[in-house]
Amino acid sequence: MDALSDCIGAHVISLQHPTCEQLKTKLAELRVFAPHLLQDLPEPEELAYGRRVLYRNEHVEAILVHLPPGGETLLHDHGQSICTAIVLEGRLLNECYEPQADASFTLFASQPIEADGYLVSVPDDFHRMSNPFHDRAVSLHLYAPPLSGVRSYR
């Protein structure tokens, strides 16, 4: 790991089975690293967005997400993880979906999240993040426990 990952790890290493509110508190602390995080963004490769794991232990995982203009994630869940994220730069659109009996999904909420705004997701939430705006969007996500069993839907 690099020095920035070590600093992030030092801030979150004490978390064991945190709540979404505790993750939000840590993200507020980690906000001071935004200038460094914005210098070396993960670029889209196979996906329409860039993603980099910054830190991971058995209790928590920190991931930086870069959504360029027009970028979006697939509709997905977070397995058994809770997630709290902060928008570091730009703004993004978070769309929440409800599964239907025929295996389709129905959009039930669409929320723009501005810079310094938060997004919270719990197990059994289904969502997609997108950037329909003209400037890039960058967000920092904390997951507990680390992501596993994530499912994506087309």
N, C-alpha and C. Protein backbone atom coordinates (compact mmCIF):
# COMPACT_ATOMS: atom_id res chain seq x y z
N MET A 1 0.84 -1.19 0.00
CA MET A 1 0.00 0.00 0.00
C MET A 1 0.88 1.24 0.00
N ASP A 2 0.32 2.33 -0.52
CA ASP A 2 1.07 3.57 -0.54
C ASP A 2 0.76 4.39 0.70
N ALA A 3 1.40 5.56 0.82
CA ALA A 3 1.25 6.39 2.02
C ALA A 3 -0.20 6.84 2.22
N LEU A 4 -0.90 7.19 1.14
CA LEU A 4 -2.29 7.62 1.27
C LEU A 4 -3.17 6.48 1.78
N SER A 5 -2.96 5.28 1.27
CA SER A 5 -3.71 4.12 1.77
C SER A 5 -3.42 3.87 3.24
N ASP A 6 -2.16 4.06 3.64
CA ASP A 6 -1.80 3.89 5.05
C ASP A 6 -2.53 4.91 5.92
N CYS A 7 -2.63 6.16 5.45
CA CYS A 7 -3.34 7.21 6.20
C CYS A 7 -4.83 6.88 6.32
N ILE A 8 -5.42 6.43 5.23
CA ILE A 8 -6.83 6.05 5.27
C ILE A 8 -7.03 4.87 6.22
N GLY A 9 -6.14 3.91 6.13
CA GLY A 9 -6.21 2.76 7.03
C GLY A 9 -6.12 3.16 8.49
N ALA A 10 -5.26 4.11 8.80
CA ALA A 10 -5.11 4.57 10.18
C ALA A 10 -6.41 5.20 10.70
N HIS A 11 -7.18 5.82 9.83
CA HIS A 11 -8.44 6.44 10.23
C HIS A 11 -9.56 5.41 10.43
N VAL A 12 -9.55 4.32 9.69
CA VAL A 12 -10.68 3.39 9.73
C VAL A 12 -10.38 2.07 10.44
N ILE A 13 -9.13 1.85 10.80
CA ILE A 13 -8.75 0.55 11.36
C ILE A 13 -9.49 0.22 12.66
N SER A 14 -9.92 1.23 13.38
CA SER A 14 -10.62 0.98 14.64
C SER A 14 -12.06 0.51 14.44
N LEU A 15 -12.59 0.64 13.23
CA LEU A 15 -13.99 0.26 12.97
C LEU A 15 -14.14 -1.25 12.95
N GLN A 16 -15.05 -1.74 13.76
CA GLN A 16 -15.42 -3.15 13.77
C GLN A 16 -16.93 -3.21 13.85
N HIS A 17 -17.58 -3.75 12.82
CA HIS A 17 -19.04 -3.82 12.75
C HIS A 17 -19.68 -2.42 12.89
N PRO A 18 -19.21 -1.45 12.10
CA PRO A 18 -19.73 -0.08 12.24
C PRO A 18 -21.15 0.06 11.69
N THR A 19 -21.81 1.12 12.12
CA THR A 19 -23.10 1.52 11.58
C THR A 19 -22.86 2.47 10.40
N CYS A 20 -23.91 2.76 9.65
CA CYS A 20 -23.79 3.73 8.56
C CYS A 20 -23.39 5.09 9.11
N GLU A 21 -23.90 5.45 10.27
CA GLU A 21 -23.57 6.75 10.87
C GLU A 21 -22.09 6.81 11.26
N GLN A 22 -21.54 5.71 11.76
CA GLN A 22 -20.11 5.68 12.08
C GLN A 22 -19.26 5.78 10.81
N LEU A 23 -19.72 5.15 9.73
CA LEU A 23 -19.00 5.28 8.46
C LEU A 23 -19.04 6.72 7.97
N LYS A 24 -20.18 7.37 8.14
CA LYS A 24 -20.31 8.77 7.73
C LYS A 24 -19.34 9.66 8.52
N THR A 25 -19.22 9.41 9.81
CA THR A 25 -18.29 10.17 10.64
C THR A 25 -16.85 9.99 10.14
N LYS A 26 -16.48 8.77 9.80
CA LYS A 26 -15.12 8.52 9.28
C LYS A 26 -14.92 9.20 7.93
N LEU A 27 -15.95 9.17 7.07
CA LEU A 27 -15.83 9.85 5.77
C LEU A 27 -15.62 11.35 5.95
N ALA A 28 -16.29 11.95 6.93
CA ALA A 28 -16.09 13.37 7.20
C ALA A 28 -14.63 13.63 7.58
N GLU A 29 -14.04 12.72 8.35
CA GLU A 29 -12.62 12.85 8.70
C GLU A 29 -11.73 12.66 7.48
N LEU A 30 -12.08 11.70 6.64
CA LEU A 30 -11.27 11.40 5.45
C LEU A 30 -11.36 12.48 4.38
N ARG A 31 -12.33 13.36 4.48
CA ARG A 31 -12.52 14.45 3.51
C ARG A 31 -11.25 15.28 3.35
N VAL A 32 -10.43 15.35 4.39
CA VAL A 32 -9.19 16.14 4.32
C VAL A 32 -8.22 15.59 3.27
N PHE A 33 -8.38 14.33 2.90
CA PHE A 33 -7.49 13.72 1.90
C PHE A 33 -7.96 13.96 0.47
N ALA A 34 -9.10 14.65 0.30
CA ALA A 34 -9.67 14.84 -1.05
C ALA A 34 -8.67 15.41 -2.06
N PRO A 35 -7.89 16.43 -1.72
CA PRO A 35 -6.96 16.95 -2.73
C PRO A 35 -6.00 15.88 -3.26
N HIS A 36 -5.57 14.99 -2.39
CA HIS A 36 -4.66 13.92 -2.81
C HIS A 36 -5.39 12.85 -3.62
N LEU A 37 -6.61 12.53 -3.20
CA LEU A 37 -7.40 11.51 -3.91
C LEU A 37 -7.75 11.97 -5.33
N LEU A 38 -7.97 13.27 -5.50
CA LEU A 38 -8.37 13.80 -6.80
C LEU A 38 -7.21 13.91 -7.79
N GLN A 39 -5.98 13.76 -7.32
CA GLN A 39 -4.81 13.88 -8.19
C GLN A 39 -4.59 12.67 -9.08
N ASP A 40 -4.95 11.50 -8.61
CA ASP A 40 -4.66 10.27 -9.35
C ASP A 40 -5.92 9.41 -9.40
N LEU A 41 -6.86 9.83 -10.24
CA LEU A 41 -8.16 9.14 -10.28
C LEU A 41 -8.09 7.85 -11.08
N PRO A 42 -8.85 6.86 -10.65
CA PRO A 42 -8.95 5.63 -11.45
C PRO A 42 -9.77 5.94 -12.71
N GLU A 43 -9.24 5.60 -13.85
CA GLU A 43 -9.94 5.85 -15.12
C GLU A 43 -10.78 4.64 -15.50
N PRO A 44 -11.87 4.87 -16.23
CA PRO A 44 -12.68 3.74 -16.71
C PRO A 44 -11.85 2.81 -17.59
N GLU A 45 -12.05 1.53 -17.41
CA GLU A 45 -11.41 0.54 -18.27
C GLU A 45 -12.49 -0.37 -18.83
N GLU A 46 -12.78 -1.49 -18.17
CA GLU A 46 -13.84 -2.38 -18.65
C GLU A 46 -15.22 -1.81 -18.35
N LEU A 47 -15.31 -0.99 -17.33
CA LEU A 47 -16.58 -0.39 -16.91
C LEU A 47 -16.65 1.06 -17.36
N ALA A 48 -17.83 1.68 -17.23
CA ALA A 48 -18.02 3.07 -17.65
C ALA A 48 -17.58 4.05 -16.55
N TYR A 49 -16.91 3.53 -15.55
CA TYR A 49 -16.42 4.36 -14.46
C TYR A 49 -15.11 3.76 -13.95
N GLY A 50 -14.34 4.58 -13.25
CA GLY A 50 -13.09 4.11 -12.65
C GLY A 50 -13.33 3.78 -11.19
N ARG A 51 -12.60 2.78 -10.71
CA ARG A 51 -12.79 2.30 -9.33
C ARG A 51 -11.46 1.82 -8.80
N ARG A 52 -11.11 2.24 -7.57
CA ARG A 52 -9.85 1.79 -6.97
C ARG A 52 -10.07 1.49 -5.49
N VAL A 53 -9.67 0.30 -5.07
CA VAL A 53 -9.68 -0.05 -3.65
C VAL A 53 -8.50 0.67 -3.00
N LEU A 54 -8.79 1.50 -2.00
CA LEU A 54 -7.75 2.26 -1.31
C LEU A 54 -7.27 1.57 -0.04
N TYR A 55 -8.18 0.85 0.60
CA TYR A 55 -7.84 0.17 1.85
C TYR A 55 -8.86 -0.94 2.08
N ARG A 56 -8.39 -2.02 2.69
CA ARG A 56 -9.28 -3.13 3.02
C ARG A 56 -8.70 -3.92 4.17
N ASN A 57 -9.54 -4.21 5.17
CA ASN A 57 -9.18 -5.17 6.20
C ASN A 57 -10.40 -6.07 6.40
N GLU A 58 -10.45 -6.85 7.46
CA GLU A 58 -11.56 -7.79 7.61
C GLU A 58 -12.88 -7.11 7.98
N HIS A 59 -12.85 -5.83 8.36
CA HIS A 59 -14.05 -5.13 8.80
C HIS A 59 -14.55 -4.04 7.88
N VAL A 60 -13.67 -3.43 7.11
CA VAL A 60 -14.06 -2.26 6.31
C VAL A 60 -13.23 -2.18 5.03
N GLU A 61 -13.82 -1.57 4.01
CA GLU A 61 -13.15 -1.38 2.73
C GLU A 61 -13.43 0.05 2.25
N ALA A 62 -12.39 0.72 1.77
CA ALA A 62 -12.52 2.08 1.23
C ALA A 62 -12.25 2.02 -0.27
N ILE A 63 -13.19 2.58 -1.06
CA ILE A 63 -13.07 2.55 -2.52
C ILE A 63 -13.32 3.95 -3.06
N LEU A 64 -12.47 4.37 -4.00
CA LEU A 64 -12.63 5.63 -4.70
C LEU A 64 -13.29 5.35 -6.04
N VAL A 65 -14.35 6.11 -6.37
CA VAL A 65 -15.08 5.92 -7.62
C VAL A 65 -15.04 7.22 -8.42
N HIS A 66 -14.69 7.09 -9.70
CA HIS A 66 -14.65 8.22 -10.63
C HIS A 66 -15.67 7.97 -11.73
N LEU A 67 -16.72 8.81 -11.76
CA LEU A 67 -17.75 8.74 -12.80
C LEU A 67 -17.54 9.92 -13.74
N PRO A 68 -16.97 9.68 -14.92
CA PRO A 68 -16.84 10.79 -15.86
C PRO A 68 -18.21 11.18 -16.39
N PRO A 69 -18.33 12.33 -17.05
CA PRO A 69 -19.63 12.70 -17.63
C PRO A 69 -20.16 11.56 -18.50
N GLY A 70 -21.43 11.21 -18.29
CA GLY A 70 -22.04 10.11 -19.04
C GLY A 70 -21.78 8.74 -18.45
N GLY A 71 -20.91 8.63 -17.44
CA GLY A 71 -20.60 7.33 -16.84
C GLY A 71 -21.68 6.89 -15.89
N GLU A 72 -21.82 5.58 -15.74
CA GLU A 72 -22.77 5.03 -14.78
C GLU A 72 -22.33 3.64 -14.35
N THR A 73 -22.77 3.27 -13.16
CA THR A 73 -22.53 1.91 -12.70
C THR A 73 -23.65 1.03 -13.23
N LEU A 74 -23.45 -0.26 -13.15
CA LEU A 74 -24.55 -1.18 -13.41
C LEU A 74 -25.51 -1.11 -12.22
N LEU A 75 -26.74 -1.49 -12.42
CA LEU A 75 -27.66 -1.69 -11.30
C LEU A 75 -27.08 -2.81 -10.46
N HIS A 76 -26.95 -2.58 -9.15
CA HIS A 76 -26.28 -3.57 -8.31
C HIS A 76 -26.76 -3.48 -6.87
N ASP A 77 -26.38 -4.51 -6.10
CA ASP A 77 -26.55 -4.48 -4.65
C ASP A 77 -25.16 -4.52 -4.03
N HIS A 78 -25.07 -4.54 -2.72
CA HIS A 78 -23.77 -4.60 -2.05
C HIS A 78 -23.63 -5.88 -1.23
N GLY A 79 -24.32 -6.94 -1.65
CA GLY A 79 -24.24 -8.18 -0.88
C GLY A 79 -24.72 -7.93 0.54
N GLN A 80 -23.94 -8.31 1.52
CA GLN A 80 -24.30 -8.12 2.93
C GLN A 80 -23.63 -6.90 3.55
N SER A 81 -23.06 -6.03 2.72
CA SER A 81 -22.36 -4.86 3.23
C SER A 81 -23.27 -3.65 3.33
N ILE A 82 -23.01 -2.82 4.34
CA ILE A 82 -23.58 -1.49 4.36
C ILE A 82 -22.58 -0.57 3.69
N CYS A 83 -23.06 0.56 3.20
CA CYS A 83 -22.18 1.50 2.52
C CYS A 83 -22.60 2.92 2.86
N THR A 84 -21.62 3.75 3.09
CA THR A 84 -21.82 5.19 3.14
C THR A 84 -20.76 5.79 2.24
N ALA A 85 -21.17 6.77 1.43
CA ALA A 85 -20.25 7.41 0.49
C ALA A 85 -20.41 8.92 0.57
N ILE A 86 -19.34 9.62 0.27
CA ILE A 86 -19.37 11.07 0.19
C ILE A 86 -18.92 11.48 -1.20
N VAL A 87 -19.60 12.46 -1.79
CA VAL A 87 -19.18 13.00 -3.08
C VAL A 87 -18.09 14.02 -2.80
N LEU A 88 -16.91 13.77 -3.34
CA LEU A 88 -15.76 14.65 -3.13
C LEU A 88 -15.72 15.79 -4.15
N GLU A 89 -16.20 15.50 -5.35
CA GLU A 89 -16.17 16.51 -6.42
C GLU A 89 -17.31 16.24 -7.39
N GLY A 90 -17.90 17.31 -7.92
CA GLY A 90 -18.98 17.17 -8.88
C GLY A 90 -20.27 16.78 -8.19
N ARG A 91 -21.12 16.10 -8.94
CA ARG A 91 -22.38 15.60 -8.41
C ARG A 91 -22.75 14.34 -9.16
N LEU A 92 -23.53 13.52 -8.53
CA LEU A 92 -23.97 12.28 -9.18
C LEU A 92 -25.44 12.07 -8.92
N LEU A 93 -26.01 11.16 -9.65
CA LEU A 93 -27.42 10.81 -9.50
C LEU A 93 -27.48 9.39 -8.96
N ASN A 94 -28.16 9.21 -7.83
CA ASN A 94 -28.35 7.88 -7.26
C ASN A 94 -29.78 7.45 -7.51
N GLU A 95 -29.94 6.33 -8.21
CA GLU A 95 -31.26 5.79 -8.54
C GLU A 95 -31.47 4.51 -7.75
N CYS A 96 -32.60 4.45 -7.03
CA CYS A 96 -32.93 3.28 -6.21
C CYS A 96 -34.04 2.49 -6.88
N TYR A 97 -33.89 1.16 -6.85
CA TYR A 97 -34.82 0.27 -7.55
C TYR A 97 -35.41 -0.75 -6.60
N GLU A 98 -36.59 -1.22 -6.98
CA GLU A 98 -37.28 -2.27 -6.23
C GLU A 98 -37.42 -3.49 -7.15
N PRO A 99 -37.03 -4.67 -6.67
CA PRO A 99 -37.18 -5.87 -7.50
C PRO A 99 -38.65 -6.26 -7.65
N GLN A 100 -38.98 -6.77 -8.82
CA GLN A 100 -40.35 -7.20 -9.12
C GLN A 100 -40.39 -8.74 -9.20
N ALA A 101 -41.57 -9.30 -9.14
CA ALA A 101 -41.75 -10.75 -9.17
C ALA A 101 -41.23 -11.37 -10.47
N ASP A 102 -41.25 -10.61 -11.56
CA ASP A 102 -40.79 -11.14 -12.85
C ASP A 102 -39.29 -10.95 -13.08
N ALA A 103 -38.54 -10.65 -12.01
CA ALA A 103 -37.09 -10.45 -12.04
C ALA A 103 -36.67 -9.13 -12.67
N SER A 104 -37.61 -8.25 -12.95
CA SER A 104 -37.27 -6.92 -13.43
C SER A 104 -37.15 -5.99 -12.21
N PHE A 105 -36.81 -4.73 -12.46
CA PHE A 105 -36.66 -3.75 -11.39
C PHE A 105 -37.44 -2.49 -11.76
N THR A 106 -38.02 -1.87 -10.76
CA THR A 106 -38.76 -0.63 -10.96
C THR A 106 -38.07 0.49 -10.19
N LEU A 107 -37.78 1.58 -10.89
CA LEU A 107 -37.20 2.77 -10.26
C LEU A 107 -38.22 3.38 -9.31
N PHE A 108 -37.81 3.61 -8.04
CA PHE A 108 -38.74 4.25 -7.11
C PHE A 108 -38.19 5.54 -6.51
N ALA A 109 -36.91 5.82 -6.71
CA ALA A 109 -36.36 7.08 -6.19
C ALA A 109 -35.14 7.45 -7.03
N SER A 110 -35.00 8.74 -7.26
CA SER A 110 -33.86 9.26 -8.00
C SER A 110 -33.41 10.53 -7.28
N GLN A 111 -32.18 10.52 -6.79
CA GLN A 111 -31.71 11.61 -5.95
C GLN A 111 -30.37 12.14 -6.43
N PRO A 112 -30.30 13.43 -6.81
CA PRO A 112 -28.99 14.01 -7.11
C PRO A 112 -28.24 14.24 -5.79
N ILE A 113 -26.96 13.97 -5.81
CA ILE A 113 -26.13 14.17 -4.63
C ILE A 113 -25.01 15.13 -5.01
N GLU A 114 -24.98 16.26 -4.37
CA GLU A 114 -24.01 17.32 -4.64
C GLU A 114 -22.70 17.04 -3.91
N ALA A 115 -21.67 17.80 -4.25
CA ALA A 115 -20.39 17.70 -3.55
C ALA A 115 -20.61 17.87 -2.05
N ASP A 116 -19.95 17.06 -1.27
CA ASP A 116 -20.03 16.98 0.19
C ASP A 116 -21.33 16.33 0.67
N GLY A 117 -22.15 15.84 -0.25
CA GLY A 117 -23.35 15.11 0.12
C GLY A 117 -23.04 13.64 0.32
N TYR A 118 -23.92 12.96 1.04
CA TYR A 118 -23.72 11.55 1.38
C TYR A 118 -24.78 10.66 0.74
N LEU A 119 -24.37 9.42 0.53
CA LEU A 119 -25.22 8.35 0.03
C LEU A 119 -25.10 7.21 1.02
N VAL A 120 -26.22 6.59 1.38
CA VAL A 120 -26.22 5.45 2.31
C VAL A 120 -26.94 4.30 1.62
N SER A 121 -26.38 3.10 1.78
CA SER A 121 -26.99 1.90 1.21
C SER A 121 -26.83 0.75 2.20
N VAL A 122 -27.87 -0.03 2.34
CA VAL A 122 -27.85 -1.17 3.26
C VAL A 122 -28.10 -2.45 2.46
N PRO A 123 -27.85 -3.63 3.06
CA PRO A 123 -28.14 -4.87 2.34
C PRO A 123 -29.59 -4.87 1.83
N ASP A 124 -29.79 -5.48 0.69
CA ASP A 124 -31.09 -5.55 0.02
C ASP A 124 -31.48 -4.26 -0.69
N ASP A 125 -30.62 -3.24 -0.68
CA ASP A 125 -30.84 -2.07 -1.52
C ASP A 125 -30.30 -2.38 -2.91
N PHE A 126 -30.99 -1.89 -3.92
CA PHE A 126 -30.56 -2.03 -5.31
C PHE A 126 -30.47 -0.62 -5.88
N HIS A 127 -29.29 -0.27 -6.41
CA HIS A 127 -29.15 1.08 -6.92
C HIS A 127 -28.17 1.15 -8.08
N ARG A 128 -28.22 2.29 -8.74
CA ARG A 128 -27.27 2.62 -9.82
C ARG A 128 -26.87 4.07 -9.60
N MET A 129 -25.58 4.36 -9.74
CA MET A 129 -25.10 5.73 -9.71
C MET A 129 -24.74 6.13 -11.13
N SER A 130 -25.07 7.37 -11.46
CA SER A 130 -24.72 7.85 -12.80
C SER A 130 -24.29 9.31 -12.71
N ASN A 131 -23.66 9.75 -13.79
CA ASN A 131 -23.24 11.14 -13.90
C ASN A 131 -23.78 11.70 -15.21
N PRO A 132 -25.01 12.22 -15.20
CA PRO A 132 -25.57 12.82 -16.41
C PRO A 132 -25.15 14.28 -16.58
N PHE A 133 -24.20 14.73 -15.77
CA PHE A 133 -23.80 16.13 -15.76
C PHE A 133 -22.54 16.34 -16.62
N HIS A 134 -22.09 17.57 -16.72
CA HIS A 134 -20.97 17.91 -17.62
C HIS A 134 -19.59 17.78 -16.99
N ASP A 135 -19.51 17.71 -15.68
CA ASP A 135 -18.23 17.61 -14.99
C ASP A 135 -18.10 16.23 -14.35
N ARG A 136 -16.88 15.81 -14.12
CA ARG A 136 -16.66 14.50 -13.49
C ARG A 136 -17.24 14.49 -12.08
N ALA A 137 -17.55 13.30 -11.62
CA ALA A 137 -18.00 13.09 -10.24
C ALA A 137 -17.05 12.09 -9.59
N VAL A 138 -16.62 12.41 -8.38
CA VAL A 138 -15.70 11.54 -7.64
C VAL A 138 -16.28 11.32 -6.26
N SER A 139 -16.35 10.07 -5.84
CA SER A 139 -16.91 9.75 -4.53
C SER A 139 -16.02 8.75 -3.81
N LEU A 140 -16.04 8.84 -2.49
CA LEU A 140 -15.29 7.93 -1.62
C LEU A 140 -16.30 7.11 -0.85
N HIS A 141 -16.16 5.78 -0.91
CA HIS A 141 -17.12 4.84 -0.33
C HIS A 141 -16.46 4.02 0.78
N LEU A 142 -17.18 3.84 1.88
CA LEU A 142 -16.76 2.92 2.93
C LEU A 142 -17.81 1.81 3.04
N TYR A 143 -17.34 0.57 2.98
CA TYR A 143 -18.20 -0.61 3.06
C TYR A 143 -17.84 -1.41 4.31
N ALA A 144 -18.86 -1.94 4.97
CA ALA A 144 -18.62 -2.80 6.11
C ALA A 144 -19.67 -3.91 6.12
N PRO A 145 -19.26 -5.15 6.15
CA PRO A 145 -17.90 -5.62 5.94
C PRO A 145 -17.46 -5.35 4.50
N PRO A 146 -16.20 -5.66 4.15
CA PRO A 146 -15.77 -5.46 2.76
C PRO A 146 -16.70 -6.17 1.79
N LEU A 147 -16.77 -5.63 0.60
CA LEU A 147 -17.68 -6.17 -0.41
C LEU A 147 -17.41 -7.64 -0.72
N SER A 148 -18.48 -8.41 -0.78
CA SER A 148 -18.43 -9.77 -1.26
C SER A 148 -19.88 -10.17 -1.56
N GLY A 149 -20.06 -10.98 -2.54
CA GLY A 149 -21.41 -11.39 -2.91
C GLY A 149 -22.22 -10.31 -3.61
N VAL A 150 -21.54 -9.31 -4.14
CA VAL A 150 -22.23 -8.24 -4.87
C VAL A 150 -22.81 -8.82 -6.15
N ARG A 151 -24.04 -8.40 -6.45
CA ARG A 151 -24.67 -8.84 -7.70
C ARG A 151 -24.98 -7.63 -8.56
N SER A 152 -24.72 -7.76 -9.86
CA SER A 152 -25.04 -6.71 -10.83
C SER A 152 -26.14 -7.21 -11.73
N TYR A 153 -26.96 -6.27 -12.21
CA TYR A 153 -28.10 -6.61 -13.04
C TYR A 153 -28.08 -5.73 -14.28
N ARG A 154 -28.51 -6.25 -15.40
CA ARG A 154 -28.53 -5.48 -16.64
C ARG A 154 -29.93 -5.01 -16.95
